[in-house]
N, C-alpha and C. Protein backbone atom coordinates (compact mmCIF):
# COMPACT_ATOMS: atom_id res chain seq x y z
N MET A 1 -28.45 -36.88 19.57
CA MET A 1 -29.01 -35.93 18.66
C MET A 1 -28.77 -34.49 19.12
N LYS A 2 -28.94 -34.28 20.42
CA LYS A 2 -28.75 -32.93 20.94
C LYS A 2 -27.31 -32.47 20.74
N HIS A 3 -26.38 -33.37 20.97
CA HIS A 3 -24.97 -33.00 20.82
C HIS A 3 -24.62 -32.72 19.36
N GLU A 4 -25.27 -33.42 18.45
CA GLU A 4 -25.01 -33.18 17.03
C GLU A 4 -25.44 -31.77 16.63
N ARG A 5 -26.58 -31.34 17.14
CA ARG A 5 -27.05 -29.97 16.84
C ARG A 5 -26.09 -28.93 17.42
N ASP A 6 -25.62 -29.19 18.64
CA ASP A 6 -24.65 -28.26 19.25
C ASP A 6 -23.37 -28.21 18.44
N ILE A 7 -22.92 -29.40 18.02
CA ILE A 7 -21.69 -29.47 17.21
C ILE A 7 -21.89 -28.72 15.90
N ASP A 8 -23.00 -28.95 15.23
CA ASP A 8 -23.29 -28.25 13.97
C ASP A 8 -23.35 -26.73 14.18
N PHE A 9 -23.98 -26.31 15.26
CA PHE A 9 -24.07 -24.89 15.58
C PHE A 9 -22.67 -24.28 15.76
N TYR A 10 -21.82 -24.98 16.53
CA TYR A 10 -20.47 -24.46 16.78
C TYR A 10 -19.62 -24.47 15.51
N LEU A 11 -19.82 -25.47 14.66
CA LEU A 11 -19.09 -25.50 13.38
C LEU A 11 -19.49 -24.32 12.50
N GLU A 12 -20.78 -24.05 12.40
CA GLU A 12 -21.25 -22.91 11.61
C GLU A 12 -20.74 -21.59 12.18
N GLN A 13 -20.77 -21.49 13.49
CA GLN A 13 -20.28 -20.27 14.15
C GLN A 13 -18.78 -20.09 13.90
N ALA A 14 -18.00 -21.17 13.98
CA ALA A 14 -16.56 -21.10 13.73
C ALA A 14 -16.28 -20.74 12.28
N LYS A 15 -17.07 -21.30 11.36
CA LYS A 15 -16.90 -20.99 9.94
C LYS A 15 -17.15 -19.50 9.68
N ALA A 16 -18.23 -18.98 10.22
CA ALA A 16 -18.56 -17.57 10.04
C ALA A 16 -17.51 -16.67 10.68
N GLU A 17 -17.10 -17.02 11.88
CA GLU A 17 -16.08 -16.21 12.57
C GLU A 17 -14.74 -16.28 11.84
N GLY A 18 -14.39 -17.45 11.33
CA GLY A 18 -13.15 -17.59 10.55
C GLY A 18 -13.18 -16.72 9.31
N TYR A 19 -14.31 -16.72 8.62
CA TYR A 19 -14.47 -15.88 7.43
C TYR A 19 -14.32 -14.41 7.80
N ASN A 20 -14.95 -13.99 8.88
CA ASN A 20 -14.85 -12.59 9.32
C ASN A 20 -13.41 -12.22 9.68
N GLN A 21 -12.70 -13.14 10.33
CA GLN A 21 -11.31 -12.88 10.70
C GLN A 21 -10.42 -12.75 9.46
N VAL A 22 -10.60 -13.64 8.49
CA VAL A 22 -9.82 -13.57 7.25
C VAL A 22 -10.12 -12.26 6.53
N LEU A 23 -11.37 -11.88 6.47
CA LEU A 23 -11.75 -10.63 5.83
C LEU A 23 -11.13 -9.43 6.55
N SER A 24 -11.16 -9.45 7.86
CA SER A 24 -10.58 -8.36 8.66
C SER A 24 -9.07 -8.26 8.46
N ILE A 25 -8.39 -9.39 8.50
CA ILE A 25 -6.93 -9.40 8.32
C ILE A 25 -6.57 -8.95 6.90
N GLY A 26 -7.33 -9.42 5.92
CA GLY A 26 -7.08 -9.01 4.53
C GLY A 26 -7.26 -7.51 4.34
N THR A 27 -8.31 -6.97 4.94
CA THR A 27 -8.57 -5.53 4.85
C THR A 27 -7.44 -4.73 5.49
N LYS A 28 -7.02 -5.17 6.68
CA LYS A 28 -5.91 -4.48 7.36
C LYS A 28 -4.63 -4.56 6.53
N GLY A 29 -4.38 -5.71 5.93
CA GLY A 29 -3.20 -5.88 5.08
C GLY A 29 -3.22 -4.95 3.88
N LEU A 30 -4.37 -4.86 3.23
CA LEU A 30 -4.50 -3.96 2.07
C LEU A 30 -4.34 -2.50 2.47
N MET A 31 -4.88 -2.13 3.61
CA MET A 31 -4.74 -0.74 4.07
C MET A 31 -3.28 -0.43 4.38
N CYS A 32 -2.59 -1.38 4.98
CA CYS A 32 -1.16 -1.19 5.28
C CYS A 32 -0.36 -1.06 3.98
N ALA A 33 -0.65 -1.92 3.01
CA ALA A 33 0.04 -1.86 1.71
C ALA A 33 -0.24 -0.53 1.03
N ARG A 34 -1.49 -0.06 1.10
CA ARG A 34 -1.85 1.23 0.50
C ARG A 34 -1.03 2.37 1.12
N ASP A 35 -0.91 2.35 2.44
CA ASP A 35 -0.13 3.39 3.12
C ASP A 35 1.33 3.35 2.72
N ILE A 36 1.88 2.15 2.60
CA ILE A 36 3.29 2.01 2.21
C ILE A 36 3.50 2.53 0.80
N VAL A 37 2.61 2.17 -0.12
CA VAL A 37 2.74 2.62 -1.51
C VAL A 37 2.58 4.14 -1.59
N ALA A 38 1.63 4.69 -0.88
CA ALA A 38 1.42 6.15 -0.91
C ALA A 38 2.63 6.88 -0.35
N THR A 39 3.18 6.38 0.75
CA THR A 39 4.37 7.01 1.34
C THR A 39 5.55 6.93 0.39
N ALA A 40 5.74 5.77 -0.22
CA ALA A 40 6.85 5.60 -1.17
C ALA A 40 6.67 6.52 -2.38
N ALA A 41 5.45 6.66 -2.86
CA ALA A 41 5.20 7.53 -4.01
C ALA A 41 5.50 8.98 -3.67
N LEU A 42 5.08 9.41 -2.50
CA LEU A 42 5.35 10.80 -2.09
C LEU A 42 6.84 11.05 -1.92
N ARG A 43 7.52 10.11 -1.28
CA ARG A 43 8.97 10.27 -1.10
C ARG A 43 9.68 10.23 -2.45
N GLY A 44 9.24 9.35 -3.32
CA GLY A 44 9.84 9.26 -4.65
C GLY A 44 9.64 10.54 -5.44
N GLN A 45 8.45 11.11 -5.34
CA GLN A 45 8.17 12.36 -6.06
C GLN A 45 9.05 13.48 -5.52
N GLU A 46 9.21 13.52 -4.21
CA GLU A 46 10.05 14.55 -3.59
C GLU A 46 11.51 14.39 -4.03
N GLN A 47 11.99 13.16 -4.04
CA GLN A 47 13.37 12.91 -4.46
C GLN A 47 13.55 13.23 -5.94
N LEU A 48 12.53 12.91 -6.75
CA LEU A 48 12.60 13.22 -8.17
C LEU A 48 12.67 14.73 -8.39
N ALA A 49 11.87 15.48 -7.66
CA ALA A 49 11.90 16.94 -7.79
C ALA A 49 13.27 17.49 -7.38
N GLN A 50 13.83 16.96 -6.30
CA GLN A 50 15.16 17.41 -5.87
C GLN A 50 16.21 17.04 -6.91
N GLN A 51 16.11 15.84 -7.47
CA GLN A 51 17.07 15.41 -8.48
C GLN A 51 16.95 16.28 -9.73
N LEU A 52 15.73 16.62 -10.11
CA LEU A 52 15.55 17.49 -11.27
C LEU A 52 16.15 18.87 -11.02
N GLN A 53 15.99 19.38 -9.81
CA GLN A 53 16.57 20.67 -9.49
C GLN A 53 18.09 20.59 -9.55
N ARG A 54 18.67 19.52 -8.98
CA ARG A 54 20.13 19.36 -9.04
C ARG A 54 20.58 19.18 -10.48
N SER A 55 19.84 18.37 -11.22
CA SER A 55 20.19 18.11 -12.61
C SER A 55 20.12 19.40 -13.42
N TYR A 56 19.08 20.19 -13.17
CA TYR A 56 18.94 21.45 -13.88
C TYR A 56 20.12 22.36 -13.56
N SER A 57 20.52 22.40 -12.29
CA SER A 57 21.65 23.24 -11.90
C SER A 57 22.94 22.77 -12.57
N LEU A 58 23.17 21.46 -12.57
CA LEU A 58 24.36 20.92 -13.21
C LEU A 58 24.31 21.14 -14.71
N ASN A 59 23.14 20.95 -15.30
CA ASN A 59 22.96 21.17 -16.72
C ASN A 59 23.20 22.64 -17.05
N ASP A 60 22.73 23.52 -16.19
CA ASP A 60 22.92 24.95 -16.36
C ASP A 60 24.41 25.28 -16.41
N VAL A 61 25.17 24.72 -15.47
CA VAL A 61 26.61 24.99 -15.41
C VAL A 61 27.31 24.42 -16.63
N SER A 62 27.03 23.16 -16.98
CA SER A 62 27.72 22.54 -18.11
C SER A 62 27.33 23.19 -19.43
N THR A 63 26.07 23.58 -19.59
CA THR A 63 25.64 24.21 -20.83
C THR A 63 26.24 25.60 -20.95
N ARG A 64 26.33 26.32 -19.86
CA ARG A 64 26.95 27.64 -19.93
C ARG A 64 28.43 27.52 -20.30
N THR A 65 29.09 26.49 -19.80
CA THR A 65 30.48 26.26 -20.19
C THR A 65 30.55 25.96 -21.67
N GLU A 66 29.60 25.16 -22.15
CA GLU A 66 29.54 24.82 -23.56
C GLU A 66 29.28 26.07 -24.39
N VAL A 67 28.40 26.94 -23.92
CA VAL A 67 28.10 28.18 -24.63
C VAL A 67 29.33 29.06 -24.70
N ARG A 68 30.09 29.14 -23.61
CA ARG A 68 31.32 29.93 -23.62
C ARG A 68 32.31 29.39 -24.64
N SER A 69 32.43 28.06 -24.73
CA SER A 69 33.37 27.50 -25.70
C SER A 69 32.88 27.76 -27.12
N ARG A 70 31.57 27.76 -27.35
CA ARG A 70 31.05 28.11 -28.67
C ARG A 70 31.35 29.57 -28.98
N ARG A 71 31.27 30.41 -27.97
CA ARG A 71 31.50 31.83 -28.15
C ARG A 71 32.93 32.06 -28.66
N ILE A 72 33.84 31.27 -28.17
CA ILE A 72 35.23 31.41 -28.62
C ILE A 72 35.34 31.01 -30.08
N ARG A 73 34.66 29.92 -30.46
CA ARG A 73 34.73 29.44 -31.84
C ARG A 73 33.85 30.25 -32.78
N GLU A 74 32.66 30.65 -32.31
CA GLU A 74 31.71 31.37 -33.15
C GLU A 74 31.23 32.63 -32.44
N PRO A 75 32.02 33.68 -32.39
CA PRO A 75 31.65 34.86 -31.62
C PRO A 75 30.34 35.51 -32.07
N ALA A 76 30.01 35.49 -33.34
CA ALA A 76 28.81 36.17 -33.82
C ALA A 76 27.53 35.44 -33.39
N ARG A 77 27.56 34.11 -33.34
CA ARG A 77 26.37 33.33 -33.00
C ARG A 77 26.24 33.07 -31.51
N ALA A 78 27.28 33.24 -30.75
CA ALA A 78 27.29 32.83 -29.34
C ALA A 78 26.21 33.53 -28.53
N ARG A 79 25.98 34.76 -28.74
CA ARG A 79 24.99 35.50 -27.97
C ARG A 79 23.58 34.95 -28.23
N VAL A 80 23.27 34.69 -29.47
CA VAL A 80 21.96 34.16 -29.85
C VAL A 80 21.75 32.77 -29.25
N VAL A 81 22.75 31.91 -29.33
CA VAL A 81 22.66 30.55 -28.80
C VAL A 81 22.39 30.59 -27.30
N GLU A 82 23.09 31.43 -26.57
CA GLU A 82 22.92 31.51 -25.12
C GLU A 82 21.52 32.00 -24.76
N GLU A 83 21.00 32.98 -25.46
CA GLU A 83 19.68 33.51 -25.15
C GLU A 83 18.59 32.48 -25.45
N GLU A 84 18.70 31.78 -26.58
CA GLU A 84 17.71 30.76 -26.91
C GLU A 84 17.72 29.65 -25.87
N TRP A 85 18.88 29.21 -25.46
CA TRP A 85 19.00 28.15 -24.46
C TRP A 85 18.37 28.57 -23.15
N GLN A 86 18.61 29.79 -22.73
CA GLN A 86 18.10 30.27 -21.45
C GLN A 86 16.57 30.29 -21.45
N GLU A 87 15.96 30.79 -22.51
CA GLU A 87 14.50 30.83 -22.58
C GLU A 87 13.91 29.43 -22.58
N GLU A 88 14.52 28.52 -23.34
CA GLU A 88 14.02 27.17 -23.46
C GLU A 88 14.07 26.44 -22.12
N ASP A 89 15.17 26.53 -21.42
CA ASP A 89 15.32 25.82 -20.15
C ASP A 89 14.48 26.44 -19.04
N ASP A 90 14.29 27.75 -19.06
CA ASP A 90 13.42 28.37 -18.06
C ASP A 90 11.99 27.86 -18.21
N GLU A 91 11.52 27.74 -19.46
CA GLU A 91 10.18 27.22 -19.69
C GLU A 91 10.08 25.76 -19.25
N GLU A 92 11.12 24.98 -19.55
CA GLU A 92 11.14 23.57 -19.14
C GLU A 92 11.08 23.44 -17.62
N LEU A 93 11.84 24.25 -16.92
CA LEU A 93 11.87 24.19 -15.45
C LEU A 93 10.51 24.55 -14.88
N ILE A 94 9.88 25.56 -15.42
CA ILE A 94 8.55 25.97 -14.94
C ILE A 94 7.56 24.83 -15.14
N GLU A 95 7.60 24.18 -16.31
CA GLU A 95 6.70 23.05 -16.56
C GLU A 95 6.96 21.91 -15.59
N ARG A 96 8.22 21.60 -15.36
CA ARG A 96 8.56 20.49 -14.45
C ARG A 96 8.12 20.79 -13.03
N LEU A 97 8.32 22.01 -12.58
CA LEU A 97 7.93 22.36 -11.22
C LEU A 97 6.41 22.34 -11.06
N ASP A 98 5.68 22.75 -12.10
CA ASP A 98 4.22 22.71 -12.04
C ASP A 98 3.73 21.27 -11.99
N ILE A 99 4.37 20.37 -12.70
CA ILE A 99 3.97 18.97 -12.72
C ILE A 99 4.23 18.32 -11.37
N SER A 100 5.33 18.64 -10.73
CA SER A 100 5.70 17.97 -9.48
C SER A 100 4.86 18.43 -8.30
N HIS A 101 4.09 19.49 -8.41
CA HIS A 101 3.25 19.96 -7.29
C HIS A 101 1.87 19.57 -7.55
């Protein structure tokens, strides 16, 4: 009888300790996953901002080339088209930069 009580006590203690260990490992795993996701999100946001800046620069160059070709075909409208484009893209860039910070 005495040994049965000892065995029951040790079984209950092992069950409780096992539960605590699983809970501890699960918590550590979730914290590690959270850190990985946060790091990836920050790096992704930084890369997205850099890509947008590069894209804006490339778009700026290609659109200005397009505006010059329009100027050759439509000299009277070319000045207006270029000014409208510049204002529109400057506002877009400001909005994008505000969102990324």
